[in-house]
Amino acid sequence: MTALRLHAITVAEIPHGEPASTLTAEHAIVYPTTRIPFRDLCAIVSEQKTFALEEPSPEQITAHQAIVDGIFRRAAVLPAPLGVVFKAPDVLTRWMELHYVSLTGALEFVDDRAVARVHIVRADGKPEDAEAGSDLAAAAAESFRALRRRAAAAVPLRLEEITGLVLSAAFLVERDLWKEFLVGIAEQSDAHHLMRFDVTGPWAPYDFVRMQFEG
């Protein structure tokens, strides 16, 4: 009996798309996906030969991300942690029923929002000092406070090793305000010439989803 690899939770009315596939320099992985509906929710899954934890390959990680990002371009999505496997559709459906309120609330929260990841380093100096120093941490904290006011939510991703202050953070930004958020980045860069702001996105809300699978 095949198991089900969970990739994401989304809304039931998401438009159908092509089976997700990813290409690397040496390999091609194709994950034909299936939908497991429950009320107004939908689980996006693919088949796995056995009900067992597997160490994911880089190609499998890329394939998983491709599926999530494909949904993200069309609808609100809650990315599942890589490697989550359910024994059968009815087990997955029971899990969706148990967490229905949390899942629907989370989808409403991330709907029409995207993630920007911002990392701050020194613009000059030795490479080993690029992410260290209380002065850098203090300036970064000031910038992140300003950027937080332009986002619906934020979570830290990396801390300065001495002070424990944030050097990297993910910001959940309204899609309609994405350009304004980038303007905020530019303003902080102009105000802090000794810092470099590395920004990536828009991403699906990987950093803002915590699913519970106990029990």
C-alpha atoms as a PDB file:
ATOM      1  CA  MET A   1       0.000   0.000   0.000  1.00  0.00           C
ATOM      2  CA  THR A   2       1.363   3.402  -0.944  1.00  0.00           C
ATOM      3  CA  ALA A   3       1.548   6.246   1.572  1.00  0.00           C
ATOM      4  CA  LEU A   4       0.808   9.914   1.027  1.00  0.00           C
ATOM      5  CA  ARG A   5       3.500  12.575   1.157  1.00  0.00           C
ATOM      6  CA  LEU A   6       1.932  15.868   2.315  1.00  0.00           C
ATOM      7  CA  HIS A   7       3.173  18.988   0.541  1.00  0.00           C
ATOM      8  CA  ALA A   8       0.687  21.667   1.531  1.00  0.00           C
ATOM      9  CA  ILE A   9      -2.769  22.634   2.707  1.00  0.00           C
ATOM     10  CA  THR A  10      -4.716  25.086   0.581  1.00  0.00           C
ATOM     11  CA  VAL A  11      -8.269  26.064  -0.299  1.00  0.00           C
ATOM     12  CA  ALA A  12     -10.560  23.594  -2.038  1.00  0.00           C
ATOM     13  CA  GLU A  13     -11.310  25.858  -4.998  1.00  0.00           C
ATOM     14  CA  ILE A  14      -7.682  26.256  -6.109  1.00  0.00           C
ATOM     15  CA  PRO A  15      -7.462  26.004  -9.925  1.00  0.00           C
ATOM     16  CA  HIS A  16      -6.007  22.779 -11.260  1.00  0.00           C
ATOM     17  CA  GLY A  17      -2.465  22.982 -12.548  1.00  0.00           C
ATOM     18  CA  GLU A  18       0.051  20.787 -14.270  1.00  0.00           C
ATOM     19  CA  PRO A  19       1.830  18.080 -12.243  1.00  0.00           C
ATOM     20  CA  ALA A  20       4.739  19.677 -10.451  1.00  0.00           C
ATOM     21  CA  SER A  21       8.142  18.897 -11.843  1.00  0.00           C
ATOM     22  CA  THR A  22      11.598  20.221 -11.214  1.00  0.00           C
ATOM     23  CA  LEU A  23      14.800  19.971 -13.191  1.00  0.00           C
ATOM     24  CA  THR A  24      18.359  19.979 -11.932  1.00  0.00           C
ATOM     25  CA  ALA A  25      21.576  19.715 -13.834  1.00  0.00           C
ATOM     26  CA  GLU A  26      21.587  15.928 -13.596  1.00  0.00           C
ATOM     27  CA  HIS A  27      18.122  14.742 -12.625  1.00  0.00           C
ATOM     28  CA  ALA A  28      14.459  15.367 -13.246  1.00  0.00           C
ATOM     29  CA  ILE A  29      11.898  14.637 -10.535  1.00  0.00           C
ATOM     30  CA  VAL A  30       8.203  14.579 -11.338  1.00  0.00           C
ATOM     31  CA  TYR A  31       5.681  14.458  -8.491  1.00  0.00           C
ATOM     32  CA  PRO A  32       2.145  14.046  -9.878  1.00  0.00           C
ATOM     33  CA  THR A  33       0.012  15.522  -7.127  1.00  0.00           C
ATOM     34  CA  THR A  34      -3.394  14.494  -5.821  1.00  0.00           C
ATOM     35  CA  ARG A  35      -5.949  16.491  -3.864  1.00  0.00           C
ATOM     36  CA  ILE A  36      -7.521  15.229  -0.653  1.00  0.00           C
ATOM     37  CA  PRO A  37     -10.485  17.507   0.119  1.00  0.00           C
ATOM     38  CA  PHE A  38     -12.092  18.200   3.464  1.00  0.00           C
ATOM     39  CA  ARG A  39     -14.898  20.765   3.537  1.00  0.00           C
ATOM     40  CA  ASP A  40     -13.367  23.978   2.129  1.00  0.00           C
ATOM     41  CA  LEU A  41      -9.787  22.746   2.597  1.00  0.00           C
ATOM     42  CA  CYS A  42      -7.610  20.676   0.316  1.00  0.00           C
ATOM     43  CA  ALA A  43      -4.433  18.709   1.023  1.00  0.00           C
ATOM     44  CA  ILE A  44      -1.920  18.500  -1.821  1.00  0.00           C
ATOM     45  CA  VAL A  45      -0.176  15.137  -1.714  1.00  0.00           C
ATOM     46  CA  SER A  46       1.930  12.803  -3.802  1.00  0.00           C
ATOM     47  CA  GLU A  47       2.400   9.067  -3.442  1.00  0.00           C
ATOM     48  CA  GLN A  48       5.279   7.448  -1.587  1.00  0.00           C
ATOM     49  CA  LYS A  49       6.014   3.740  -1.878  1.00  0.00           C
ATOM     50  CA  THR A  50       6.307   3.069   1.843  1.00  0.00           C
ATOM     51  CA  PHE A  51       5.045   4.617   5.049  1.00  0.00           C
ATOM     52  CA  ALA A  52       8.454   5.559   6.372  1.00  0.00           C
ATOM     53  CA  LEU A  53      10.659   8.545   6.989  1.00  0.00           C
ATOM     54  CA  GLU A  54      13.135   9.089   4.194  1.00  0.00           C
ATOM     55  CA  GLU A  55      16.208  11.276   4.085  1.00  0.00           C
ATOM     56  CA  PRO A  56      15.291  13.768   1.337  1.00  0.00           C
ATOM     57  CA  SER A  57      17.672  14.361  -1.518  1.00  0.00           C
ATOM     58  CA  PRO A  58      18.365  17.883  -2.802  1.00  0.00           C
ATOM     59  CA  GLU A  59      16.185  17.087  -5.821  1.00  0.00           C
ATOM     60  CA  GLN A  60      13.303  16.047  -3.568  1.00  0.00           C
ATOM     61  CA  ILE A  61      13.653  19.251  -1.559  1.00  0.00           C
ATOM     62  CA  THR A  62      13.494  21.264  -4.775  1.00  0.00           C
ATOM     63  CA  ALA A  63      10.479  19.288  -5.979  1.00  0.00           C
ATOM     64  CA  HIS A  64       8.622  19.907  -2.722  1.00  0.00           C
ATOM     65  CA  GLN A  65       9.345  23.632  -2.954  1.00  0.00           C
ATOM     66  CA  ALA A  66       8.204  23.695  -6.579  1.00  0.00           C
ATOM     67  CA  ILE A  67       4.825  22.229  -5.605  1.00  0.00           C
ATOM     68  CA  VAL A  68       4.345  24.703  -2.770  1.00  0.00           C
ATOM     69  CA  ASP A  69       5.431  27.665  -4.863  1.00  0.00           C
ATOM     70  CA  GLY A  70       3.142  26.589  -7.699  1.00  0.00           C
ATOM     71  CA  ILE A  71       0.165  26.717  -5.327  1.00  0.00           C
ATOM     72  CA  PHE A  72       1.407  29.996  -3.829  1.00  0.00           C
ATOM     73  CA  ARG A  73       1.154  31.673  -7.231  1.00  0.00           C
ATOM     74  CA  ARG A  74      -2.561  30.788  -7.409  1.00  0.00           C
ATOM     75  CA  ALA A  75      -3.964  30.654  -3.878  1.00  0.00           C
ATOM     76  CA  ALA A  76      -3.276  30.880  -0.158  1.00  0.00           C
ATOM     77  CA  VAL A  77      -1.073  27.999   0.970  1.00  0.00           C
ATOM     78  CA  LEU A  78       0.261  26.448   4.153  1.00  0.00           C
ATOM     79  CA  PRO A  79       3.518  24.630   3.328  1.00  0.00           C
ATOM     80  CA  ALA A  80       3.944  21.315   5.113  1.00  0.00           C
ATOM     81  CA  PRO A  81       7.330  20.417   6.608  1.00  0.00           C
ATOM     82  CA  LEU A  82       9.357  18.339   4.206  1.00  0.00           C
ATOM     83  CA  GLY A  83       8.939  14.601   4.775  1.00  0.00           C
ATOM     84  CA  VAL A  84       5.511  14.468   6.439  1.00  0.00           C
ATOM     85  CA  VAL A  85       3.839  11.191   5.425  1.00  0.00           C
ATOM     86  CA  PHE A  86       0.357   9.827   6.134  1.00  0.00           C
ATOM     87  CA  LYS A  87      -0.493   6.132   5.968  1.00  0.00           C
ATOM     88  CA  ALA A  88      -3.793   6.560   4.109  1.00  0.00           C
ATOM     89  CA  PRO A  89      -6.252   9.226   2.889  1.00  0.00           C
ATOM     90  CA  ASP A  90      -8.647   8.655   5.795  1.00  0.00           C
ATOM     91  CA  VAL A  91      -5.842   9.299   8.296  1.00  0.00           C
ATOM     92  CA  LEU A  92      -5.035  12.570   6.568  1.00  0.00           C
ATOM     93  CA  THR A  93      -8.711  13.534   6.472  1.00  0.00           C
ATOM     94  CA  ARG A  94      -9.047  12.892  10.215  1.00  0.00           C
ATOM     95  CA  TRP A  95      -6.011  15.081  10.851  1.00  0.00           C
ATOM     96  CA  MET A  96      -7.537  17.880   8.739  1.00  0.00           C
ATOM     97  CA  GLU A  97     -10.797  17.535  10.667  1.00  0.00           C
ATOM     98  CA  LEU A  98      -8.995  17.691  14.010  1.00  0.00           C
ATOM     99  CA  HIS A  99      -7.072  20.840  13.038  1.00  0.00           C
ATOM    100  CA  TYR A 100      -9.740  22.390  10.815  1.00  0.00           C
ATOM    101  CA  VAL A 101     -10.150  25.610  12.827  1.00  0.00           C
ATOM    102  CA  SER A 102      -6.402  26.208  13.052  1.00  0.00           C
ATOM    103  CA  LEU A 103      -5.831  25.446   9.367  1.00  0.00           C
ATOM    104  CA  THR A 104      -8.637  27.698   8.114  1.00  0.00           C
ATOM    105  CA  GLY A 105      -7.506  30.496  10.423  1.00  0.00           C
ATOM    106  CA  ALA A 106      -3.928  30.180   9.198  1.00  0.00           C
ATOM    107  CA  LEU A 107      -5.028  30.271   5.546  1.00  0.00           C
ATOM    108  CA  GLU A 108      -7.004  33.429   6.201  1.00  0.00           C
ATOM    109  CA  PHE A 109      -3.965  34.979   7.882  1.00  0.00           C
ATOM    110  CA  VAL A 110      -1.534  34.316   5.010  1.00  0.00           C
ATOM    111  CA  ASP A 111      -4.030  35.018   2.206  1.00  0.00           C
ATOM    112  CA  ASP A 112      -2.816  37.754  -0.168  1.00  0.00           C
ATOM    113  CA  ARG A 113       0.444  38.022   1.763  1.00  0.00           C
ATOM    114  CA  ALA A 114       3.984  37.031   0.813  1.00  0.00           C
ATOM    115  CA  VAL A 115       7.245  36.633   2.683  1.00  0.00           C
ATOM    116  CA  ALA A 116      10.350  38.773   2.349  1.00  0.00           C
ATOM    117  CA  ARG A 117      13.528  37.447   3.950  1.00  0.00           C
ATOM    118  CA  VAL A 118      15.943  40.195   4.953  1.00  0.00           C
ATOM    119  CA  HIS A 119      19.526  39.575   6.023  1.00  0.00           C
ATOM    120  CA  ILE A 120      21.867  42.318   7.238  1.00  0.00           C
ATOM    121  CA  VAL A 121      25.674  42.179   7.056  1.00  0.00           C
ATOM    122  CA  ARG A 122      28.467  44.716   7.200  1.00  0.00           C
ATOM    123  CA  ALA A 123      29.019  46.457   3.907  1.00  0.00           C
ATOM    124  CA  ASP A 124      32.769  46.544   4.496  1.00  0.00           C
ATOM    125  CA  GLY A 125      35.333  44.855   6.710  1.00  0.00           C
ATOM    126  CA  LYS A 126      36.684  41.327   6.893  1.00  0.00           C
ATOM    127  CA  PRO A 127      34.393  38.426   5.923  1.00  0.00           C
ATOM    128  CA  GLU A 128      34.685  36.938   9.414  1.00  0.00           C
ATOM    129  CA  ASP A 129      33.320  40.205  10.849  1.00  0.00           C
ATOM    130  CA  ALA A 130      30.434  40.527   8.404  1.00  0.00           C
ATOM    131  CA  GLU A 131      27.876  39.183  10.886  1.00  0.00           C
ATOM    132  CA  ALA A 132      29.418  40.109  14.228  1.00  0.00           C
ATOM    133  CA  GLY A 133      29.578  43.119  16.489  1.00  0.00           C
ATOM    134  CA  SER A 134      27.256  44.902  18.912  1.00  0.00           C
ATOM    135  CA  ASP A 135      27.202  48.020  16.721  1.00  0.00           C
ATOM    136  CA  LEU A 136      25.959  45.984  13.747  1.00  0.00           C
ATOM    137  CA  ALA A 137      23.359  44.227  15.897  1.00  0.00           C
ATOM    138  CA  ALA A 138      22.054  47.497  17.343  1.00  0.00           C
ATOM    139  CA  ALA A 139      21.727  49.126  13.931  1.00  0.00           C
ATOM    140  CA  ALA A 140      20.086  46.013  12.521  1.00  0.00           C
ATOM    141  CA  ALA A 141      17.581  45.983  15.398  1.00  0.00           C
ATOM    142  CA  GLU A 142      16.668  49.588  14.634  1.00  0.00           C
ATOM    143  CA  SER A 143      16.125  48.790  10.953  1.00  0.00           C
ATOM    144  CA  PHE A 144      14.072  45.687  11.684  1.00  0.00           C
ATOM    145  CA  ARG A 145      11.802  47.692  14.008  1.00  0.00           C
ATOM    146  CA  ALA A 146      11.159  50.138  11.180  1.00  0.00           C
ATOM    147  CA  LEU A 147      10.489  47.335   8.691  1.00  0.00           C
ATOM    148  CA  ARG A 148       8.197  45.528  11.134  1.00  0.00           C
ATOM    149  CA  ARG A 149       5.802  48.474  10.940  1.00  0.00           C
ATOM    150  CA  ARG A 150       5.426  47.783   7.214  1.00  0.00           C
ATOM    151  CA  ALA A 151       4.557  44.078   7.656  1.00  0.00           C
ATOM    152  CA  ALA A 152       1.696  42.055   9.090  1.00  0.00           C
ATOM    153  CA  ALA A 153       4.107  39.859  11.062  1.00  0.00           C
ATOM    154  CA  ALA A 154       7.795  39.081  11.428  1.00  0.00           C
ATOM    155  CA  VAL A 155       9.919  36.256  12.809  1.00  0.00           C
ATOM    156  CA  PRO A 156      13.679  36.173  13.493  1.00  0.00           C
ATOM    157  CA  LEU A 157      15.800  33.805  11.428  1.00  0.00           C
ATOM    158  CA  ARG A 158      19.375  34.431  12.580  1.00  0.00           C
ATOM    159  CA  LEU A 159      20.872  36.174  15.617  1.00  0.00           C
ATOM    160  CA  GLU A 160      24.141  37.989  16.182  1.00  0.00           C
ATOM    161  CA  GLU A 161      26.267  35.567  18.215  1.00  0.00           C
ATOM    162  CA  ILE A 162      27.304  37.954  21.020  1.00  0.00           C
ATOM    163  CA  THR A 163      24.280  40.168  21.610  1.00  0.00           C
ATOM    164  CA  GLY A 164      21.560  37.768  20.492  1.00  0.00           C
ATOM    165  CA  LEU A 165      19.959  40.535  18.435  1.00  0.00           C
ATOM    166  CA  VAL A 166      18.384  39.770  15.079  1.00  0.00           C
ATOM    167  CA  LEU A 167      20.452  39.881  11.880  1.00  0.00           C
ATOM    168  CA  SER A 168      17.994  38.006   9.647  1.00  0.00           C
ATOM    169  CA  ALA A 169      14.212  38.063   9.716  1.00  0.00           C
ATOM    170  CA  ALA A 170      11.225  37.029   7.649  1.00  0.00           C
ATOM    171  CA  PHE A 171       8.439  39.563   7.104  1.00  0.00           C
ATOM    172  CA  LEU A 172       4.895  38.704   6.069  1.00  0.00           C
ATOM    173  CA  VAL A 173       3.921  41.496   3.688  1.00  0.00           C
ATOM    174  CA  GLU A 174       0.647  42.378   2.002  1.00  0.00           C
ATOM    175  CA  ARG A 175       1.042  41.598  -1.693  1.00  0.00           C
ATOM    176  CA  ASP A 176      -0.368  45.013  -2.614  1.00  0.00           C
ATOM    177  CA  LEU A 177       2.241  46.675  -0.400  1.00  0.00           C
ATOM    178  CA  TRP A 178       5.254  44.671  -1.597  1.00  0.00           C
ATOM    179  CA  LYS A 179       6.788  47.592  -3.507  1.00  0.00           C
ATOM    180  CA  GLU A 180       6.300  49.856  -0.486  1.00  0.00           C
ATOM    181  CA  PHE A 181       8.128  47.326   1.665  1.00  0.00           C
ATOM    182  CA  LEU A 182      11.058  47.391  -0.778  1.00  0.00           C
ATOM    183  CA  VAL A 183      11.013  51.189  -0.547  1.00  0.00           C
ATOM    184  CA  GLY A 184      11.360  50.758   3.204  1.00  0.00           C
ATOM    185  CA  ILE A 185      14.397  48.535   2.632  1.00  0.00           C
ATOM    186  CA  ALA A 186      15.942  51.210   0.424  1.00  0.00           C
ATOM    187  CA  GLU A 187      15.289  53.864   3.076  1.00  0.00           C
ATOM    188  CA  GLN A 188      17.015  51.777   5.738  1.00  0.00           C
ATOM    189  CA  SER A 189      19.938  51.124   3.410  1.00  0.00           C
ATOM    190  CA  ASP A 190      20.320  54.868   2.816  1.00  0.00           C
ATOM    191  CA  ALA A 191      20.159  55.528   6.563  1.00  0.00           C
ATOM    192  CA  HIS A 192      22.770  52.880   7.432  1.00  0.00           C
ATOM    193  CA  HIS A 193      25.612  53.044   4.932  1.00  0.00           C
ATOM    194  CA  LEU A 194      27.752  50.565   6.844  1.00  0.00           C
ATOM    195  CA  MET A 195      25.160  47.801   6.417  1.00  0.00           C
ATOM    196  CA  ARG A 196      24.134  45.771   3.380  1.00  0.00           C
ATOM    197  CA  PHE A 197      20.564  44.534   3.120  1.00  0.00           C
ATOM    198  CA  ASP A 198      20.119  41.245   1.257  1.00  0.00           C
ATOM    199  CA  VAL A 199      16.458  40.702   0.387  1.00  0.00           C
ATOM    200  CA  THR A 200      14.818  37.664  -1.214  1.00  0.00           C
ATOM    201  CA  GLY A 201      11.199  36.948  -2.084  1.00  0.00           C
ATOM    202  CA  PRO A 202       8.326  36.942  -2.508  1.00  0.00           C
ATOM    203  CA  TRP A 203       8.210  33.529  -0.826  1.00  0.00           C
ATOM    204  CA  ALA A 204       5.379  31.310   0.283  1.00  0.00           C
ATOM    205  CA  PRO A 205       4.869  31.566   4.078  1.00  0.00           C
ATOM    206  CA  TYR A 206       7.332  28.800   5.012  1.00  0.00           C
ATOM    207  CA  ASP A 207       8.565  30.759   8.033  1.00  0.00           C
ATOM    208  CA  PHE A 208       5.101  31.447   9.460  1.00  0.00           C
ATOM    209  CA  VAL A 209       3.513  27.956   9.439  1.00  0.00           C
ATOM    210  CA  ARG A 210       3.845  25.469  12.300  1.00  0.00           C
ATOM    211  CA  MET A 211       1.758  22.330  11.823  1.00  0.00           C
ATOM    212  CA  GLN A 212       1.001  19.897  14.635  1.00  0.00           C
ATOM    213  CA  PHE A 213       1.164  16.174  13.910  1.00  0.00           C
ATOM    214  CA  GLU A 214       1.226  14.672  17.402  1.00  0.00           C
ATOM    215  CA  GLY A 215      -1.477  12.128  18.160  1.00  0.00           C
END
